[in-house]
């Protein structure tokens, strides 16, 4: 890779990178991080790339070191909380995000992040209260609307989820993750052609087709499993 391509790749949003780009970005950022482990911008980007690449333990190690150097920095604490949550350490993640918050000047990103962690802890009512508070601070923010929609996915209420995700996707500053979440929810309702069209706006045609094919397979397996459980119950009732 040329120096120019590394620079362009490092500035690309992490959530839009392909797996190959993530690996290249991790290698290049890793070299920069080794030269200066206290460089906040590099460390946070490196941790985000590692997390997206599935290296959650290494991502957490980077953020754990950074938070020692910047113990009161809100962005660092928020990213640290995200790294903890990705590692399954939800209670410490919640503590980190809450420590980053200042009640007199609440940050909508931190409120939404707290909601996402509460959702993972199964506290959906508290989570949705946080999302609505975040929307009061930042009306029509697509990432918050998306989080609220995904909260209803966790509950199995796909119609309500789709309403929020469509609203999120219609916002001019909606990013790739929002539209991919919408494609997921549409696909989960069996509308595969529509899901593929939405996904194709963000992914290559092959990737969009592969995602929808996987979704079809997952749902067919789920339906088969549910049918087996019904037949098993029926057999038990007749015995």
C-alpha atoms as a PDB file:
ATOM      1  CA  UNK A   1       0.000   0.000   0.000  1.00  0.00           C
ATOM      2  CA  UNK A   2       1.159   3.527  -0.742  1.00  0.00           C
ATOM      3  CA  UNK A   3       1.280   6.189   1.981  1.00  0.00           C
ATOM      4  CA  UNK A   4      -1.604   7.989   0.300  1.00  0.00           C
ATOM      5  CA  UNK A   5      -3.842   4.930   0.349  1.00  0.00           C
ATOM      6  CA  UNK A   6      -3.114   4.390   4.050  1.00  0.00           C
ATOM      7  CA  UNK A   7      -4.072   7.992   4.766  1.00  0.00           C
ATOM      8  CA  UNK A   8      -7.325   7.699   2.825  1.00  0.00           C
ATOM      9  CA  UNK A   9      -8.181   4.384   4.488  1.00  0.00           C
ATOM     10  CA  UNK A  10      -7.501   5.732   7.991  1.00  0.00           C
ATOM     11  CA  UNK A  11      -9.978   8.573   7.421  1.00  0.00           C
ATOM     12  CA  UNK A  12     -12.724   6.252   6.135  1.00  0.00           C
ATOM     13  CA  UNK A  13     -15.583   5.549   8.597  1.00  0.00           C
ATOM     14  CA  UNK A  14     -14.856   2.245  10.314  1.00  0.00           C
ATOM     15  CA  UNK A  15     -18.376   0.861   9.838  1.00  0.00           C
ATOM     16  CA  UNK A  16     -18.097   1.179   6.036  1.00  0.00           C
ATOM     17  CA  UNK A  17     -14.824  -0.753   5.720  1.00  0.00           C
ATOM     18  CA  UNK A  18     -14.687  -4.193   4.143  1.00  0.00           C
ATOM     19  CA  UNK A  19     -12.957  -7.015   6.035  1.00  0.00           C
ATOM     20  CA  UNK A  20      -9.872  -6.565   3.850  1.00  0.00           C
ATOM     21  CA  UNK A  21      -9.831  -2.814   4.537  1.00  0.00           C
ATOM     22  CA  UNK A  22     -10.227  -3.437   8.264  1.00  0.00           C
ATOM     23  CA  UNK A  23      -7.181  -5.718   8.281  1.00  0.00           C
ATOM     24  CA  UNK A  24      -5.081  -3.186   6.350  1.00  0.00           C
ATOM     25  CA  UNK A  25      -6.247  -0.333   8.590  1.00  0.00           C
ATOM     26  CA  UNK A  26      -5.436  -2.384  11.705  1.00  0.00           C
ATOM     27  CA  UNK A  27      -1.909  -3.036  10.429  1.00  0.00           C
ATOM     28  CA  UNK A  28      -1.271   0.598   9.525  1.00  0.00           C
ATOM     29  CA  UNK A  29      -2.854   2.057  12.676  1.00  0.00           C
ATOM     30  CA  UNK A  30      -1.049  -0.547  14.773  1.00  0.00           C
ATOM     31  CA  UNK A  31       2.290   0.790  13.567  1.00  0.00           C
ATOM     32  CA  UNK A  32       1.254   4.373  14.378  1.00  0.00           C
ATOM     33  CA  UNK A  33      -0.048   3.289  17.781  1.00  0.00           C
ATOM     34  CA  UNK A  34       3.218   1.507  18.631  1.00  0.00           C
ATOM     35  CA  UNK A  35       5.138   4.725  17.952  1.00  0.00           C
ATOM     36  CA  UNK A  36       2.928   6.735  20.355  1.00  0.00           C
ATOM     37  CA  UNK A  37       0.473   4.802  22.545  1.00  0.00           C
ATOM     38  CA  UNK A  38      -0.793   8.037  24.127  1.00  0.00           C
ATOM     39  CA  UNK A  39      -1.957   9.561  20.840  1.00  0.00           C
ATOM     40  CA  UNK A  40      -5.665   9.791  21.605  1.00  0.00           C
ATOM     41  CA  UNK A  41      -6.973   9.996  18.026  1.00  0.00           C
ATOM     42  CA  UNK A  42      -4.838   7.091  16.778  1.00  0.00           C
ATOM     43  CA  UNK A  43      -5.571   4.885  19.794  1.00  0.00           C
ATOM     44  CA  UNK A  44      -9.341   5.410  19.549  1.00  0.00           C
ATOM     45  CA  UNK A  45      -9.398   4.727  15.788  1.00  0.00           C
ATOM     46  CA  UNK A  46      -7.179   1.678  16.277  1.00  0.00           C
ATOM     47  CA  UNK A  47      -9.469   0.335  19.030  1.00  0.00           C
ATOM     48  CA  UNK A  48     -12.550   0.897  16.848  1.00  0.00           C
ATOM     49  CA  UNK A  49     -10.960  -0.940  13.896  1.00  0.00           C
ATOM     50  CA  UNK A  50      -9.879  -3.829  16.132  1.00  0.00           C
ATOM     51  CA  UNK A  51     -13.404  -4.052  17.547  1.00  0.00           C
ATOM     52  CA  UNK A  52     -15.007  -4.139  14.090  1.00  0.00           C
ATOM     53  CA  UNK A  53     -12.438  -6.755  13.074  1.00  0.00           C
ATOM     54  CA  UNK A  54     -13.506  -9.004  15.970  1.00  0.00           C
ATOM     55  CA  UNK A  55     -10.381  -8.439  18.079  1.00  0.00           C
ATOM     56  CA  UNK A  56     -12.397  -7.307  21.105  1.00  0.00           C
ATOM     57  CA  UNK A  57      -9.792  -8.291  23.720  1.00  0.00           C
ATOM     58  CA  UNK A  58      -7.056  -6.276  22.000  1.00  0.00           C
ATOM     59  CA  UNK A  59      -9.440  -3.355  21.448  1.00  0.00           C
ATOM     60  CA  UNK A  60     -10.255  -3.302  25.156  1.00  0.00           C
ATOM     61  CA  UNK A  61      -6.556  -3.460  26.072  1.00  0.00           C
ATOM     62  CA  UNK A  62      -5.875  -0.369  23.918  1.00  0.00           C
ATOM     63  CA  UNK A  63      -8.763   1.550  25.489  1.00  0.00           C
ATOM     64  CA  UNK A  64      -7.852   0.425  29.010  1.00  0.00           C
ATOM     65  CA  UNK A  65      -4.376   1.913  28.566  1.00  0.00           C
ATOM     66  CA  UNK A  66      -5.768   5.108  27.029  1.00  0.00           C
ATOM     67  CA  UNK A  67      -8.276   5.709  29.815  1.00  0.00           C
ATOM     68  CA  UNK A  68      -5.395   5.699  32.323  1.00  0.00           C
ATOM     69  CA  UNK A  69      -3.840   8.613  30.408  1.00  0.00           C
ATOM     70  CA  UNK A  70      -7.169  10.443  29.896  1.00  0.00           C
ATOM     71  CA  UNK A  71      -9.273   9.512  32.958  1.00  0.00           C
ATOM     72  CA  UNK A  72     -11.707  12.443  32.609  1.00  0.00           C
ATOM     73  CA  UNK A  73     -12.001  12.714  28.829  1.00  0.00           C
ATOM     74  CA  UNK A  74     -15.628  12.093  27.841  1.00  0.00           C
ATOM     75  CA  UNK A  75     -14.838  10.691  24.385  1.00  0.00           C
ATOM     76  CA  UNK A  76     -12.258   8.305  25.809  1.00  0.00           C
ATOM     77  CA  UNK A  77     -14.558   7.123  28.595  1.00  0.00           C
ATOM     78  CA  UNK A  78     -17.396   6.616  26.115  1.00  0.00           C
ATOM     79  CA  UNK A  79     -15.165   4.576  23.775  1.00  0.00           C
ATOM     80  CA  UNK A  80     -13.884   2.611  26.767  1.00  0.00           C
ATOM     81  CA  UNK A  81     -17.465   1.831  27.739  1.00  0.00           C
ATOM     82  CA  UNK A  82     -18.176   0.640  24.200  1.00  0.00           C
ATOM     83  CA  UNK A  83     -15.094  -1.595  24.261  1.00  0.00           C
ATOM     84  CA  UNK A  84     -16.165  -3.079  27.611  1.00  0.00           C
ATOM     85  CA  UNK A  85     -19.676  -3.737  26.287  1.00  0.00           C
ATOM     86  CA  UNK A  86     -18.279  -5.445  23.159  1.00  0.00           C
ATOM     87  CA  UNK A  87     -16.250  -7.649  25.506  1.00  0.00           C
ATOM     88  CA  UNK A  88     -19.397  -8.605  27.418  1.00  0.00           C
ATOM     89  CA  UNK A  89     -18.449  -6.586  30.513  1.00  0.00           C
ATOM     90  CA  UNK A  90     -21.772  -4.736  30.659  1.00  0.00           C
ATOM     91  CA  UNK A  91     -21.838  -3.482  34.241  1.00  0.00           C
ATOM     92  CA  UNK A  92     -18.345  -1.891  34.036  1.00  0.00           C
ATOM     93  CA  UNK A  93     -19.344  -0.497  30.617  1.00  0.00           C
ATOM     94  CA  UNK A  94     -22.396   1.165  32.138  1.00  0.00           C
ATOM     95  CA  UNK A  95     -20.259   2.620  34.918  1.00  0.00           C
ATOM     96  CA  UNK A  96     -17.729   4.031  32.418  1.00  0.00           C
ATOM     97  CA  UNK A  97     -20.429   5.691  30.301  1.00  0.00           C
ATOM     98  CA  UNK A  98     -22.145   7.172  33.351  1.00  0.00           C
ATOM     99  CA  UNK A  99     -18.820   8.520  34.658  1.00  0.00           C
ATOM    100  CA  UNK A 100     -18.288  10.231  31.318  1.00  0.00           C
ATOM    101  CA  UNK A 101     -21.632  12.020  31.577  1.00  0.00           C
ATOM    102  CA  UNK A 102     -22.003  15.482  33.139  1.00  0.00           C
ATOM    103  CA  UNK A 103     -25.593  16.029  34.368  1.00  0.00           C
ATOM    104  CA  UNK A 104     -25.481  19.804  33.839  1.00  0.00           C
ATOM    105  CA  UNK A 105     -24.346  19.386  30.198  1.00  0.00           C
ATOM    106  CA  UNK A 106     -25.672  15.969  29.138  1.00  0.00           C
ATOM    107  CA  UNK A 107     -24.197  14.480  25.985  1.00  0.00           C
ATOM    108  CA  UNK A 108     -26.824  12.763  23.782  1.00  0.00           C
ATOM    109  CA  UNK A 109     -24.229  10.249  22.525  1.00  0.00           C
ATOM    110  CA  UNK A 110     -23.543   9.071  26.070  1.00  0.00           C
ATOM    111  CA  UNK A 111     -27.271   8.908  26.899  1.00  0.00           C
ATOM    112  CA  UNK A 112     -27.835   6.747  23.797  1.00  0.00           C
ATOM    113  CA  UNK A 113     -24.804   4.578  24.619  1.00  0.00           C
ATOM    114  CA  UNK A 114     -26.187   4.025  28.125  1.00  0.00           C
ATOM    115  CA  UNK A 115     -29.485   2.973  26.573  1.00  0.00           C
ATOM    116  CA  UNK A 116     -27.745   0.451  24.311  1.00  0.00           C
ATOM    117  CA  UNK A 117     -25.988  -1.127  27.306  1.00  0.00           C
ATOM    118  CA  UNK A 118     -29.225  -1.238  29.321  1.00  0.00           C
ATOM    119  CA  UNK A 119     -30.885  -2.995  26.365  1.00  0.00           C
ATOM    120  CA  UNK A 120     -28.159  -5.668  26.468  1.00  0.00           C
ATOM    121  CA  UNK A 121     -28.791  -6.022  30.207  1.00  0.00           C
ATOM    122  CA  UNK A 122     -32.468  -6.685  29.449  1.00  0.00           C
ATOM    123  CA  UNK A 123     -33.664  -3.394  30.936  1.00  0.00           C
ATOM    124  CA  UNK A 124     -35.681  -2.325  27.896  1.00  0.00           C
ATOM    125  CA  UNK A 125     -37.909   0.266  29.630  1.00  0.00           C
ATOM    126  CA  UNK A 126     -34.911   2.104  31.102  1.00  0.00           C
ATOM    127  CA  UNK A 127     -33.122   1.825  27.752  1.00  0.00           C
ATOM    128  CA  UNK A 128     -36.014   3.390  25.818  1.00  0.00           C
ATOM    129  CA  UNK A 129     -36.293   6.151  28.375  1.00  0.00           C
ATOM    130  CA  UNK A 130     -32.637   6.952  27.638  1.00  0.00           C
ATOM    131  CA  UNK A 131     -33.202   6.895  23.871  1.00  0.00           C
ATOM    132  CA  UNK A 132     -36.122   9.324  24.181  1.00  0.00           C
ATOM    133  CA  UNK A 133     -34.039  11.579  26.419  1.00  0.00           C
ATOM    134  CA  UNK A 134     -31.271  11.495  23.794  1.00  0.00           C
ATOM    135  CA  UNK A 135     -33.822  12.447  21.113  1.00  0.00           C
ATOM    136  CA  UNK A 136     -34.895  15.434  23.219  1.00  0.00           C
ATOM    137  CA  UNK A 137     -31.262  16.548  23.280  1.00  0.00           C
ATOM    138  CA  UNK A 138     -30.711  15.743  19.577  1.00  0.00           C
ATOM    139  CA  UNK A 139     -34.069  15.565  17.712  1.00  0.00           C
ATOM    140  CA  UNK A 140     -34.309  13.137  14.780  1.00  0.00           C
ATOM    141  CA  UNK A 141     -30.764  11.854  15.324  1.00  0.00           C
ATOM    142  CA  UNK A 142     -30.644   8.722  13.113  1.00  0.00           C
ATOM    143  CA  UNK A 143     -28.275   6.707  15.325  1.00  0.00           C
ATOM    144  CA  UNK A 144     -30.595   7.145  18.317  1.00  0.00           C
ATOM    145  CA  UNK A 145     -33.694   6.328  16.265  1.00  0.00           C
ATOM    146  CA  UNK A 146     -31.839   3.251  15.004  1.00  0.00           C
ATOM    147  CA  UNK A 147     -30.944   2.183  18.559  1.00  0.00           C
ATOM    148  CA  UNK A 148     -34.587   2.625  19.568  1.00  0.00           C
ATOM    149  CA  UNK A 149     -35.687   0.534  16.596  1.00  0.00           C
ATOM    150  CA  UNK A 150     -33.208  -2.229  17.424  1.00  0.00           C
ATOM    151  CA  UNK A 151     -34.517  -2.210  21.002  1.00  0.00           C
ATOM    152  CA  UNK A 152     -37.875  -3.350  19.608  1.00  0.00           C
ATOM    153  CA  UNK A 153     -36.109  -5.989  17.484  1.00  0.00           C
ATOM    154  CA  UNK A 154     -34.745  -7.510  20.707  1.00  0.00           C
ATOM    155  CA  UNK A 155     -38.343  -7.707  21.939  1.00  0.00           C
ATOM    156  CA  UNK A 156     -39.570  -9.240  18.676  1.00  0.00           C
ATOM    157  CA  UNK A 157     -41.767  -6.249  17.763  1.00  0.00           C
ATOM    158  CA  UNK A 158     -40.557  -5.935  14.169  1.00  0.00           C
ATOM    159  CA  UNK A 159     -43.297  -3.560  12.954  1.00  0.00           C
ATOM    160  CA  UNK A 160     -42.514  -0.935  15.585  1.00  0.00           C
ATOM    161  CA  UNK A 161     -38.800  -1.482  14.947  1.00  0.00           C
ATOM    162  CA  UNK A 162     -39.298  -0.843  11.232  1.00  0.00           C
ATOM    163  CA  UNK A 163     -41.172   2.411  11.921  1.00  0.00           C
ATOM    164  CA  UNK A 164     -38.245   3.833  13.891  1.00  0.00           C
ATOM    165  CA  UNK A 165     -35.633   2.496  11.478  1.00  0.00           C
ATOM    166  CA  UNK A 166     -37.417   3.963   8.445  1.00  0.00           C
ATOM    167  CA  UNK A 167     -37.540   7.305  10.228  1.00  0.00           C
ATOM    168  CA  UNK A 168     -33.812   6.967  10.974  1.00  0.00           C
ATOM    169  CA  UNK A 169     -32.955   6.034   7.364  1.00  0.00           C
ATOM    170  CA  UNK A 170     -34.876   9.048   6.029  1.00  0.00           C
ATOM    171  CA  UNK A 171     -32.662  11.497   7.926  1.00  0.00           C
ATOM    172  CA  UNK A 172     -30.088  13.218   5.676  1.00  0.00           C
ATOM    173  CA  UNK A 173     -27.193  12.292   7.981  1.00  0.00           C
ATOM    174  CA  UNK A 174     -28.121   8.603   8.320  1.00  0.00           C
ATOM    175  CA  UNK A 175     -25.094   6.343   7.955  1.00  0.00           C
ATOM    176  CA  UNK A 176     -24.556   2.873   6.540  1.00  0.00           C
ATOM    177  CA  UNK A 177     -25.325   1.045   9.791  1.00  0.00           C
ATOM    178  CA  UNK A 178     -28.802   2.604   9.993  1.00  0.00           C
ATOM    179  CA  UNK A 179     -29.779   1.397   6.514  1.00  0.00           C
ATOM    180  CA  UNK A 180     -28.259  -2.036   7.113  1.00  0.00           C
ATOM    181  CA  UNK A 181     -30.344  -2.327  10.295  1.00  0.00           C
ATOM    182  CA  UNK A 182     -33.446  -1.386   8.283  1.00  0.00           C
ATOM    183  CA  UNK A 183     -32.581  -4.044   5.681  1.00  0.00           C
ATOM    184  CA  UNK A 184     -32.224  -6.597   8.489  1.00  0.00           C
ATOM    185  CA  UNK A 185     -35.646  -5.793   9.991  1.00  0.00           C
ATOM    186  CA  UNK A 186     -37.366  -5.835   6.590  1.00  0.00           C
ATOM    187  CA  UNK A 187     -35.708  -9.193   5.840  1.00  0.00           C
ATOM    188  CA  UNK A 188     -36.714 -10.631   9.217  1.00  0.00           C
ATOM    189  CA  UNK A 189     -40.337  -9.989   8.182  1.00  0.00           C
ATOM    190  CA  UNK A 190     -39.811 -12.100   5.069  1.00  0.00           C
ATOM    191  CA  UNK A 191     -39.683  -9.234   2.554  1.00  0.00           C
ATOM    192  CA  UNK A 192     -36.393 -10.420   1.080  1.00  0.00           C
ATOM    193  CA  UNK A 193     -36.473  -8.569  -2.258  1.00  0.00           C
ATOM    194  CA  UNK A 194     -37.075  -5.257  -0.509  1.00  0.00           C
ATOM    195  CA  UNK A 195     -34.355  -6.032   2.048  1.00  0.00           C
ATOM    196  CA  UNK A 196     -31.888  -6.799  -0.745  1.00  0.00           C
ATOM    197  CA  UNK A 197     -32.638  -3.461  -2.469  1.00  0.00           C
ATOM    198  CA  UNK A 198     -32.006  -1.562   0.787  1.00  0.00           C
ATOM    199  CA  UNK A 199     -28.810  -3.509   1.473  1.00  0.00           C
ATOM    200  CA  UNK A 200     -27.572  -2.936  -2.085  1.00  0.00           C
ATOM    201  CA  UNK A 201     -27.445   0.814  -1.391  1.00  0.00           C
ATOM    202  CA  UNK A 202     -24.642   0.152   1.106  1.00  0.00           C
ATOM    203  CA  UNK A 203     -23.047  -3.092  -0.074  1.00  0.00           C
ATOM    204  CA  UNK A 204     -21.948  -4.601  -3.332  1.00  0.00           C
ATOM    205  CA  UNK A 205     -24.692  -6.623  -5.117  1.00  0.00           C
ATOM    206  CA  UNK A 206     -22.874  -9.855  -4.193  1.00  0.00           C
ATOM    207  CA  UNK A 207     -22.643  -8.862  -0.498  1.00  0.00           C
ATOM    208  CA  UNK A 208     -26.306  -7.815  -0.424  1.00  0.00           C
ATOM    209  CA  UNK A 209     -27.347 -11.124  -2.001  1.00  0.00           C
ATOM    210  CA  UNK A 210     -25.169 -13.078   0.421  1.00  0.00           C
ATOM    211  CA  UNK A 211     -26.642 -11.262   3.429  1.00  0.00           C
ATOM    212  CA  UNK A 212     -30.213 -11.903   2.323  1.00  0.00           C
ATOM    213  CA  UNK A 213     -29.417 -15.551   1.480  1.00  0.00           C
ATOM    214  CA  UNK A 214     -28.030 -15.980   4.992  1.00  0.00           C
ATOM    215  CA  UNK A 215     -31.175 -14.352   6.422  1.00  0.00           C
ATOM    216  CA  UNK A 216     -33.413 -16.690   4.406  1.00  0.00           C
ATOM    217  CA  UNK A 217     -31.465 -19.712   5.635  1.00  0.00           C
ATOM    218  CA  UNK A 218     -31.559 -18.515   9.245  1.00  0.00           C
ATOM    219  CA  UNK A 219     -35.323 -17.933   9.151  1.00  0.00           C
ATOM    220  CA  UNK A 220     -36.019 -21.255   7.415  1.00  0.00           C
ATOM    221  CA  UNK A 221     -33.972 -23.058  10.079  1.00  0.00           C
ATOM    222  CA  UNK A 222     -35.854 -21.182  12.788  1.00  0.00           C
ATOM    223  CA  UNK A 223     -39.206 -22.144  11.224  1.00  0.00           C
ATOM    224  CA  UNK A 224     -38.093 -25.763  10.956  1.00  0.00           C
ATOM    225  CA  UNK A 225     -37.026 -25.757  14.606  1.00  0.00           C
ATOM    226  CA  UNK A 226     -40.372 -24.237  15.672  1.00  0.00           C
ATOM    227  CA  UNK A 227     -42.213 -26.884  13.646  1.00  0.00           C
ATOM    228  CA  UNK A 228     -40.208 -29.665  15.322  1.00  0.00           C
ATOM    229  CA  UNK A 229     -41.065 -28.227  18.744  1.00  0.00           C
ATOM    230  CA  UNK A 230     -44.772 -28.141  17.813  1.00  0.00           C
ATOM    231  CA  UNK A 231     -44.656 -31.767  16.607  1.00  0.00           C
ATOM    232  CA  UNK A 232     -42.817 -32.774  19.786  1.00  0.00           C
ATOM    233  CA  UNK A 233     -45.483 -31.077  21.930  1.00  0.00           C
ATOM    234  CA  UNK A 234     -48.222 -32.770  19.907  1.00  0.00           C
ATOM    235  CA  UNK A 235     -46.608 -36.159  20.381  1.00  0.00           C
ATOM    236  CA  UNK A 236     -46.259 -35.564  24.119  1.00  0.00           C
ATOM    237  CA  UNK A 237     -49.933 -34.612  24.389  1.00  0.00           C
ATOM    238  CA  UNK A 238     -51.079 -37.851  22.718  1.00  0.00           C
ATOM    239  CA  UNK A 239     -48.879 -40.066  24.907  1.00  0.00           C
END
